[in-house]
Amino acid sequence: MNDTLLWQTRTFVYSHFADTTHPPSVDETAAHFNITTNEASGLYKELHNRHAFFLEPETLTIRMANPFSGIPTDFKVHANGKTYFANCAWDMLGIPAALHCDAVIDAVCTESNETVKLEVKNGNIYALGGVPAAEDGDGSSLLVHFPLPFARWYDDLVFT
């Protein structure tokens, strides 16, 4: 397998996400590189195997190219006039970092079902009302909980 084309494909997938808010299909990737659908399929499978992105089981549909989600989630990131979906609370902060831009984030806490609104501005995170998230006035902080240690994330990446 051509490693150069493999990593160019990964770059294309991320650029496509950044430009359109969704992943390219295998056919779109094949057309972009002027290769066959079978060749593009092989590249997708290899990138999945290398954890460069995550395919829906038994398909060639990109579910995750961290921090981007290929499906709607409870983690919406409004940036550059577009709405992106993140896979988790960690990734919702990763999207503005990856795009090098300010953003407004709407998230729903999984356990409490509470809505959280954050703003990322000039690399800083603020809770609703413009107060830095780590200094939200009452001494508390917003925390991100990971149900599994990093070494086990790929045991069930969708759950994690």
N, C-alpha and C. Protein backbone atom coordinates (compact mmCIF):
# COMPACT_ATOMS: atom_id res chain seq x y z
N MET A 1 0.84 -1.18 0.00
CA MET A 1 0.00 0.00 0.00
C MET A 1 0.89 1.25 0.00
N ASN A 2 0.48 2.22 -0.76
CA ASN A 2 1.20 3.47 -0.89
C ASN A 2 0.96 4.33 0.36
N ASP A 3 1.98 4.43 1.22
CA ASP A 3 1.82 5.20 2.46
C ASP A 3 1.57 6.68 2.20
N THR A 4 2.15 7.21 1.15
CA THR A 4 1.92 8.62 0.83
C THR A 4 0.45 8.86 0.53
N LEU A 5 -0.14 8.01 -0.30
CA LEU A 5 -1.56 8.14 -0.63
C LEU A 5 -2.42 7.89 0.60
N LEU A 6 -2.00 6.97 1.43
CA LEU A 6 -2.75 6.68 2.66
C LEU A 6 -2.89 7.94 3.51
N TRP A 7 -1.78 8.63 3.76
CA TRP A 7 -1.83 9.81 4.62
C TRP A 7 -2.42 11.01 3.89
N GLN A 8 -2.31 11.06 2.58
CA GLN A 8 -3.02 12.10 1.82
C GLN A 8 -4.53 11.90 1.93
N THR A 9 -4.95 10.65 1.97
CA THR A 9 -6.38 10.34 2.14
C THR A 9 -6.85 10.81 3.50
N ARG A 10 -6.08 10.56 4.52
CA ARG A 10 -6.44 11.03 5.87
C ARG A 10 -6.57 12.55 5.87
N THR A 11 -5.62 13.23 5.27
CA THR A 11 -5.66 14.70 5.20
C THR A 11 -6.90 15.16 4.46
N PHE A 12 -7.23 14.48 3.36
CA PHE A 12 -8.43 14.83 2.60
C PHE A 12 -9.68 14.66 3.44
N VAL A 13 -9.76 13.56 4.19
CA VAL A 13 -10.93 13.31 5.04
C VAL A 13 -11.09 14.45 6.06
N TYR A 14 -10.01 14.83 6.71
CA TYR A 14 -10.09 15.90 7.70
C TYR A 14 -10.42 17.24 7.06
N SER A 15 -9.84 17.52 5.91
CA SER A 15 -10.16 18.77 5.20
C SER A 15 -11.62 18.81 4.79
N HIS A 16 -12.12 17.66 4.35
CA HIS A 16 -13.53 17.58 3.94
C HIS A 16 -14.45 17.84 5.14
N PHE A 17 -14.12 17.24 6.28
CA PHE A 17 -14.88 17.49 7.51
C PHE A 17 -14.86 18.98 7.84
N ALA A 18 -13.69 19.58 7.81
CA ALA A 18 -13.55 21.00 8.16
C ALA A 18 -14.36 21.88 7.21
N ASP A 19 -14.35 21.54 5.93
CA ASP A 19 -15.05 22.35 4.92
C ASP A 19 -16.55 22.13 4.90
N THR A 20 -17.00 20.89 5.17
CA THR A 20 -18.41 20.55 4.95
C THR A 20 -19.16 20.11 6.21
N THR A 21 -18.48 19.83 7.28
CA THR A 21 -19.00 19.32 8.56
C THR A 21 -19.33 17.83 8.52
N HIS A 22 -19.09 17.15 7.43
CA HIS A 22 -19.35 15.70 7.37
C HIS A 22 -18.22 15.01 6.60
N PRO A 23 -18.12 13.69 6.78
CA PRO A 23 -17.03 12.96 6.13
C PRO A 23 -17.32 12.72 4.65
N PRO A 24 -16.27 12.56 3.86
CA PRO A 24 -16.48 12.20 2.46
C PRO A 24 -16.84 10.72 2.35
N SER A 25 -17.59 10.37 1.34
CA SER A 25 -17.85 8.96 1.06
C SER A 25 -16.63 8.36 0.37
N VAL A 26 -16.60 7.05 0.30
CA VAL A 26 -15.52 6.37 -0.41
C VAL A 26 -15.50 6.83 -1.87
N ASP A 27 -16.69 6.98 -2.46
CA ASP A 27 -16.77 7.43 -3.86
C ASP A 27 -16.19 8.83 -4.03
N GLU A 28 -16.48 9.73 -3.10
CA GLU A 28 -15.93 11.09 -3.17
C GLU A 28 -14.41 11.07 -3.05
N THR A 29 -13.91 10.22 -2.17
CA THR A 29 -12.46 10.10 -1.99
C THR A 29 -11.82 9.52 -3.25
N ALA A 30 -12.44 8.50 -3.81
CA ALA A 30 -11.93 7.90 -5.05
C ALA A 30 -11.88 8.94 -6.17
N ALA A 31 -12.92 9.71 -6.31
CA ALA A 31 -12.97 10.74 -7.35
C ALA A 31 -11.91 11.81 -7.11
N HIS A 32 -11.74 12.21 -5.85
CA HIS A 32 -10.75 13.24 -5.53
C HIS A 32 -9.34 12.82 -5.94
N PHE A 33 -9.00 11.56 -5.71
CA PHE A 33 -7.64 11.07 -6.01
C PHE A 33 -7.54 10.36 -7.36
N ASN A 34 -8.67 10.31 -8.09
CA ASN A 34 -8.69 9.63 -9.39
C ASN A 34 -8.21 8.18 -9.26
N ILE A 35 -8.78 7.49 -8.27
CA ILE A 35 -8.50 6.07 -8.04
C ILE A 35 -9.82 5.31 -8.05
N THR A 36 -9.75 4.00 -8.03
CA THR A 36 -10.98 3.21 -8.03
C THR A 36 -11.63 3.22 -6.65
N THR A 37 -12.90 2.90 -6.62
CA THR A 37 -13.61 2.79 -5.34
C THR A 37 -12.98 1.69 -4.49
N ASN A 38 -12.55 0.61 -5.12
CA ASN A 38 -11.89 -0.47 -4.37
C ASN A 38 -10.59 0.01 -3.73
N GLU A 39 -9.82 0.83 -4.45
CA GLU A 39 -8.59 1.36 -3.87
C GLU A 39 -8.91 2.29 -2.69
N ALA A 40 -9.91 3.15 -2.86
CA ALA A 40 -10.31 4.05 -1.77
C ALA A 40 -10.83 3.24 -0.58
N SER A 41 -11.56 2.18 -0.85
CA SER A 41 -12.07 1.31 0.23
C SER A 41 -10.92 0.71 1.02
N GLY A 42 -9.90 0.26 0.32
CA GLY A 42 -8.73 -0.30 0.99
C GLY A 42 -8.03 0.73 1.87
N LEU A 43 -7.96 1.97 1.37
CA LEU A 43 -7.35 3.05 2.16
C LEU A 43 -8.17 3.33 3.41
N TYR A 44 -9.49 3.36 3.28
CA TYR A 44 -10.36 3.59 4.44
C TYR A 44 -10.16 2.48 5.48
N LYS A 45 -10.13 1.24 5.03
CA LYS A 45 -9.97 0.12 5.96
C LYS A 45 -8.62 0.20 6.67
N GLU A 46 -7.57 0.53 5.93
CA GLU A 46 -6.24 0.63 6.54
C GLU A 46 -6.18 1.79 7.54
N LEU A 47 -6.77 2.92 7.21
CA LEU A 47 -6.79 4.04 8.15
C LEU A 47 -7.59 3.69 9.40
N HIS A 48 -8.66 2.94 9.23
CA HIS A 48 -9.43 2.45 10.38
C HIS A 48 -8.55 1.53 11.24
N ASN A 49 -7.86 0.60 10.59
CA ASN A 49 -7.01 -0.35 11.32
C ASN A 49 -5.89 0.36 12.08
N ARG A 50 -5.44 1.49 11.56
CA ARG A 50 -4.37 2.25 12.21
C ARG A 50 -4.92 3.29 13.19
N HIS A 51 -6.22 3.25 13.42
CA HIS A 51 -6.91 4.17 14.34
C HIS A 51 -6.79 5.62 13.90
N ALA A 52 -6.62 5.86 12.61
CA ALA A 52 -6.59 7.23 12.09
C ALA A 52 -7.99 7.79 11.99
N PHE A 53 -8.97 6.94 11.79
CA PHE A 53 -10.38 7.25 11.96
C PHE A 53 -11.13 5.97 12.22
N PHE A 54 -12.42 6.08 12.51
CA PHE A 54 -13.23 4.94 12.95
C PHE A 54 -14.41 4.77 12.02
N LEU A 55 -14.52 3.58 11.42
CA LEU A 55 -15.63 3.29 10.51
C LEU A 55 -16.79 2.67 11.28
N GLU A 56 -18.01 2.95 10.79
CA GLU A 56 -19.18 2.24 11.32
C GLU A 56 -18.93 0.75 11.09
N PRO A 57 -19.26 -0.10 12.06
CA PRO A 57 -19.01 -1.53 11.89
C PRO A 57 -19.61 -2.08 10.59
N GLU A 58 -18.80 -2.89 9.93
CA GLU A 58 -19.21 -3.59 8.70
C GLU A 58 -19.54 -2.65 7.54
N THR A 59 -19.05 -1.40 7.59
CA THR A 59 -19.30 -0.45 6.51
C THR A 59 -18.01 0.30 6.18
N LEU A 60 -18.10 1.18 5.20
CA LEU A 60 -17.01 2.08 4.86
C LEU A 60 -17.40 3.53 5.15
N THR A 61 -18.37 3.70 6.05
CA THR A 61 -18.84 5.01 6.45
C THR A 61 -18.04 5.48 7.66
N ILE A 62 -17.45 6.67 7.55
CA ILE A 62 -16.65 7.20 8.65
C ILE A 62 -17.57 7.70 9.76
N ARG A 63 -17.45 7.07 10.91
CA ARG A 63 -18.22 7.47 12.10
C ARG A 63 -17.48 8.57 12.86
N MET A 64 -16.15 8.41 12.99
CA MET A 64 -15.35 9.36 13.76
C MET A 64 -14.01 9.60 13.06
N ALA A 65 -13.67 10.84 12.96
CA ALA A 65 -12.31 11.26 12.62
C ALA A 65 -12.01 12.31 13.68
N ASN A 66 -11.58 11.82 14.82
CA ASN A 66 -11.45 12.67 16.00
C ASN A 66 -10.74 13.99 15.68
N PRO A 67 -11.35 15.08 16.08
CA PRO A 67 -12.47 15.26 16.99
C PRO A 67 -13.85 15.28 16.33
N PHE A 68 -13.91 15.10 15.02
CA PHE A 68 -15.18 15.23 14.29
C PHE A 68 -16.01 13.95 14.35
N SER A 69 -17.32 14.12 14.47
CA SER A 69 -18.26 13.00 14.41
C SER A 69 -18.99 13.04 13.08
N GLY A 70 -19.16 11.88 12.49
CA GLY A 70 -19.90 11.77 11.24
C GLY A 70 -21.39 11.64 11.44
N ILE A 71 -21.83 11.61 12.69
CA ILE A 71 -23.26 11.53 13.00
C ILE A 71 -23.62 12.61 14.02
N PRO A 72 -24.88 13.00 14.08
CA PRO A 72 -25.29 13.98 15.11
C PRO A 72 -25.06 13.42 16.52
N THR A 73 -24.61 14.30 17.41
CA THR A 73 -24.37 13.92 18.80
C THR A 73 -24.88 15.04 19.72
N ASP A 74 -24.71 14.85 21.01
CA ASP A 74 -25.10 15.88 21.99
C ASP A 74 -24.04 16.96 22.16
N PHE A 75 -23.01 16.94 21.32
CA PHE A 75 -21.91 17.90 21.42
C PHE A 75 -21.81 18.69 20.12
N LYS A 76 -22.50 19.84 20.08
CA LYS A 76 -22.52 20.68 18.88
C LYS A 76 -21.51 21.81 19.03
N VAL A 77 -20.73 22.01 17.99
CA VAL A 77 -19.72 23.06 17.99
C VAL A 77 -20.02 23.99 16.82
N HIS A 78 -20.33 25.23 17.15
CA HIS A 78 -20.65 26.24 16.13
C HIS A 78 -19.38 27.05 15.89
N ALA A 79 -18.82 26.91 14.70
CA ALA A 79 -17.56 27.58 14.38
C ALA A 79 -17.51 27.91 12.90
N ASN A 80 -16.94 29.04 12.58
CA ASN A 80 -16.77 29.45 11.17
C ASN A 80 -18.09 29.42 10.39
N GLY A 81 -19.18 29.74 11.07
CA GLY A 81 -20.49 29.76 10.41
C GLY A 81 -21.08 28.40 10.13
N LYS A 82 -20.54 27.35 10.73
CA LYS A 82 -21.01 25.98 10.52
C LYS A 82 -21.25 25.31 11.86
N THR A 83 -22.00 24.22 11.84
CA THR A 83 -22.21 23.42 13.05
C THR A 83 -21.61 22.05 12.85
N TYR A 84 -20.66 21.73 13.69
CA TYR A 84 -19.98 20.43 13.68
C TYR A 84 -20.50 19.62 14.86
N PHE A 85 -20.39 18.31 14.74
CA PHE A 85 -20.70 17.43 15.86
C PHE A 85 -19.40 16.81 16.35
N ALA A 86 -19.24 16.78 17.66
CA ALA A 86 -18.08 16.15 18.28
C ALA A 86 -18.51 14.82 18.87
N ASN A 87 -17.56 13.92 19.06
CA ASN A 87 -17.86 12.60 19.59
C ASN A 87 -18.09 12.59 21.09
N CYS A 88 -17.49 13.55 21.78
CA CYS A 88 -17.55 13.57 23.24
C CYS A 88 -17.14 14.95 23.73
N ALA A 89 -17.14 15.12 25.05
CA ALA A 89 -16.77 16.41 25.63
C ALA A 89 -15.33 16.79 25.31
N TRP A 90 -14.45 15.81 25.30
CA TRP A 90 -13.05 16.08 24.95
C TRP A 90 -12.97 16.61 23.53
N ASP A 91 -13.65 15.93 22.60
CA ASP A 91 -13.60 16.31 21.19
C ASP A 91 -14.29 17.65 20.91
N MET A 92 -15.28 18.01 21.73
CA MET A 92 -15.95 19.30 21.50
C MET A 92 -14.97 20.45 21.70
N LEU A 93 -13.96 20.24 22.53
CA LEU A 93 -12.92 21.24 22.70
C LEU A 93 -11.84 21.09 21.62
N GLY A 94 -11.73 19.90 21.07
CA GLY A 94 -10.75 19.65 20.03
C GLY A 94 -11.10 20.27 18.69
N ILE A 95 -12.39 20.43 18.40
CA ILE A 95 -12.78 21.00 17.11
C ILE A 95 -12.29 22.44 16.96
N PRO A 96 -12.55 23.34 17.92
CA PRO A 96 -11.99 24.69 17.75
C PRO A 96 -10.47 24.68 17.69
N ALA A 97 -9.83 23.78 18.43
CA ALA A 97 -8.37 23.69 18.39
C ALA A 97 -7.91 23.25 17.00
N ALA A 98 -8.58 22.25 16.44
CA ALA A 98 -8.20 21.74 15.11
C ALA A 98 -8.43 22.78 14.03
N LEU A 99 -9.50 23.55 14.19
CA LEU A 99 -9.84 24.56 13.18
C LEU A 99 -9.13 25.90 13.43
N HIS A 100 -8.46 26.02 14.58
CA HIS A 100 -7.77 27.27 14.96
C HIS A 100 -8.74 28.45 14.91
N CYS A 101 -9.88 28.29 15.62
CA CYS A 101 -10.88 29.35 15.58
C CYS A 101 -11.65 29.41 16.90
N ASP A 102 -12.40 30.49 17.05
CA ASP A 102 -13.32 30.63 18.17
C ASP A 102 -14.56 29.78 17.88
N ALA A 103 -15.30 29.45 18.93
CA ALA A 103 -16.49 28.62 18.75
C ALA A 103 -17.45 28.80 19.92
N VAL A 104 -18.70 28.43 19.68
CA VAL A 104 -19.70 28.30 20.73
C VAL A 104 -20.10 26.84 20.76
N ILE A 105 -20.13 26.27 21.96
CA ILE A 105 -20.40 24.85 22.12
C ILE A 105 -21.69 24.67 22.90
N ASP A 106 -22.57 23.83 22.38
CA ASP A 106 -23.78 23.41 23.08
C ASP A 106 -23.63 21.92 23.35
N ALA A 107 -23.68 21.54 24.61
CA ALA A 107 -23.50 20.14 24.97
C ALA A 107 -24.55 19.72 25.98
N VAL A 108 -24.83 18.43 26.00
CA VAL A 108 -25.73 17.85 26.98
C VAL A 108 -24.92 16.86 27.81
N CYS A 109 -24.92 17.04 29.12
CA CYS A 109 -24.22 16.13 30.01
C CYS A 109 -24.92 14.78 29.99
N THR A 110 -24.16 13.74 29.76
CA THR A 110 -24.71 12.41 29.60
C THR A 110 -25.46 11.93 30.83
N GLU A 111 -24.88 12.10 32.01
CA GLU A 111 -25.49 11.55 33.22
C GLU A 111 -26.63 12.40 33.75
N SER A 112 -26.50 13.73 33.71
CA SER A 112 -27.51 14.60 34.31
C SER A 112 -28.52 15.12 33.30
N ASN A 113 -28.20 15.02 32.03
CA ASN A 113 -29.03 15.56 30.95
C ASN A 113 -29.11 17.09 30.98
N GLU A 114 -28.21 17.73 31.74
CA GLU A 114 -28.15 19.18 31.78
C GLU A 114 -27.48 19.72 30.53
N THR A 115 -27.92 20.90 30.11
CA THR A 115 -27.31 21.55 28.95
C THR A 115 -26.20 22.48 29.43
N VAL A 116 -25.09 22.45 28.72
CA VAL A 116 -23.96 23.31 29.02
C VAL A 116 -23.65 24.10 27.76
N LYS A 117 -23.44 25.39 27.94
CA LYS A 117 -23.06 26.25 26.81
C LYS A 117 -21.72 26.88 27.14
N LEU A 118 -20.78 26.68 26.23
CA LEU A 118 -19.44 27.22 26.41
C LEU A 118 -19.06 28.06 25.20
N GLU A 119 -18.13 28.95 25.45
CA GLU A 119 -17.56 29.72 24.34
C GLU A 119 -16.05 29.53 24.38
N VAL A 120 -15.48 29.27 23.23
CA VAL A 120 -14.03 29.23 23.11
C VAL A 120 -13.64 30.49 22.36
N LYS A 121 -12.86 31.32 23.03
CA LYS A 121 -12.46 32.60 22.44
C LYS A 121 -10.99 32.83 22.73
N ASN A 122 -10.23 33.04 21.66
CA ASN A 122 -8.78 33.25 21.78
C ASN A 122 -8.11 32.14 22.60
N GLY A 123 -8.57 30.92 22.42
CA GLY A 123 -7.97 29.78 23.09
C GLY A 123 -8.40 29.57 24.52
N ASN A 124 -9.29 30.41 25.02
CA ASN A 124 -9.81 30.27 26.39
C ASN A 124 -11.24 29.75 26.35
N ILE A 125 -11.62 29.05 27.40
CA ILE A 125 -12.96 28.48 27.49
C ILE A 125 -13.75 29.27 28.52
N TYR A 126 -14.96 29.69 28.14
CA TYR A 126 -15.84 30.45 29.02
C TYR A 126 -17.19 29.76 29.13
N ALA A 127 -17.73 29.74 30.33
CA ALA A 127 -19.09 29.25 30.54
C ALA A 127 -20.07 30.33 30.08
N LEU A 128 -21.31 29.97 29.91
CA LEU A 128 -22.35 30.93 29.54
C LEU A 128 -22.27 32.13 30.46
N GLY A 129 -22.30 33.31 29.89
CA GLY A 129 -22.21 34.52 30.69
C GLY A 129 -20.84 35.15 30.66
N GLY A 130 -19.88 34.51 29.94
CA GLY A 130 -18.58 35.12 29.75
C GLY A 130 -17.58 34.89 30.86
N VAL A 131 -17.91 34.06 31.84
CA VAL A 131 -17.00 33.78 32.94
C VAL A 131 -16.11 32.61 32.52
N PRO A 132 -14.80 32.67 32.76
CA PRO A 132 -13.97 31.51 32.43
C PRO A 132 -14.51 30.25 33.09
N ALA A 133 -14.55 29.14 32.36
CA ALA A 133 -15.16 27.90 32.86
C ALA A 133 -14.52 27.41 34.14
N ALA A 134 -13.24 27.65 34.34
CA ALA A 134 -12.56 27.19 35.55
C ALA A 134 -12.80 28.13 36.72
N GLU A 135 -13.40 29.28 36.47
CA GLU A 135 -13.65 30.26 37.52
C GLU A 135 -15.08 30.77 37.39
N ASP A 136 -16.04 29.86 37.50
CA ASP A 136 -17.41 30.23 37.17
C ASP A 136 -18.17 30.92 38.30
N GLY A 137 -17.46 31.49 39.24
CA GLY A 137 -18.11 32.34 40.22
C GLY A 137 -18.46 31.66 41.52
N ASP A 138 -18.78 30.37 41.50
CA ASP A 138 -19.17 29.71 42.74
C ASP A 138 -18.11 28.73 43.22
N GLY A 139 -16.92 28.80 42.64
CA GLY A 139 -15.83 27.95 43.07
C GLY A 139 -15.82 26.58 42.43
N SER A 140 -16.86 26.24 41.69
CA SER A 140 -16.89 24.93 41.05
C SER A 140 -16.27 25.02 39.67
N SER A 141 -16.00 23.88 39.10
CA SER A 141 -15.44 23.80 37.76
C SER A 141 -16.20 22.77 36.95
N LEU A 142 -16.18 22.94 35.66
CA LEU A 142 -16.74 21.92 34.78
C LEU A 142 -15.69 20.84 34.60
N LEU A 143 -16.10 19.60 34.70
CA LEU A 143 -15.20 18.46 34.56
C LEU A 143 -15.66 17.57 33.43
N VAL A 144 -14.72 16.89 32.81
CA VAL A 144 -15.02 15.89 31.80
C VAL A 144 -14.70 14.54 32.42
N HIS A 145 -15.65 13.62 32.34
CA HIS A 145 -15.48 12.28 32.91
C HIS A 145 -15.29 11.28 31.78
N PHE A 146 -14.27 10.45 31.89
CA PHE A 146 -14.05 9.37 30.93
C PHE A 146 -14.36 8.06 31.62
N PRO A 147 -15.35 7.30 31.12
CA PRO A 147 -15.74 6.08 31.81
C PRO A 147 -14.71 4.96 31.74
N LEU A 148 -13.76 5.07 30.81
CA LEU A 148 -12.72 4.06 30.68
C LEU A 148 -11.36 4.74 30.58
N PRO A 149 -10.30 4.08 31.05
CA PRO A 149 -8.96 4.64 30.85
C PRO A 149 -8.61 4.63 29.36
N PHE A 150 -7.73 5.54 28.96
CA PHE A 150 -7.38 5.69 27.54
C PHE A 150 -6.99 4.36 26.90
N ALA A 151 -6.25 3.53 27.59
CA ALA A 151 -5.78 2.26 27.03
C ALA A 151 -6.93 1.34 26.61
N ARG A 152 -8.14 1.60 27.11
CA ARG A 152 -9.28 0.74 26.79
C ARG A 152 -10.30 1.40 25.88
N TRP A 153 -10.02 2.60 25.38
CA TRP A 153 -11.00 3.30 24.55
C TRP A 153 -11.40 2.50 23.33
N TYR A 154 -10.48 1.82 22.70
CA TYR A 154 -10.81 1.08 21.49
C TYR A 154 -11.49 -0.25 21.78
N ASP A 155 -11.67 -0.60 23.05
CA ASP A 155 -12.48 -1.77 23.37
C ASP A 155 -13.92 -1.54 22.91
N ASP A 156 -14.40 -0.30 23.07
CA ASP A 156 -15.75 0.09 22.63
C ASP A 156 -15.72 1.60 22.43
N LEU A 157 -15.19 2.04 21.30
CA LEU A 157 -14.95 3.47 21.07
C LEU A 157 -16.22 4.29 21.09
N VAL A 158 -17.32 3.75 20.60
CA VAL A 158 -18.58 4.49 20.60
C VAL A 158 -19.04 4.76 22.02
N PHE A 159 -18.94 3.78 22.90
CA PHE A 159 -19.32 3.97 24.31
C PHE A 159 -18.41 4.97 25.00
N THR A 160 -17.13 4.84 24.74
CA THR A 160 -16.14 5.69 25.41
C THR A 160 -16.40 7.13 25.06
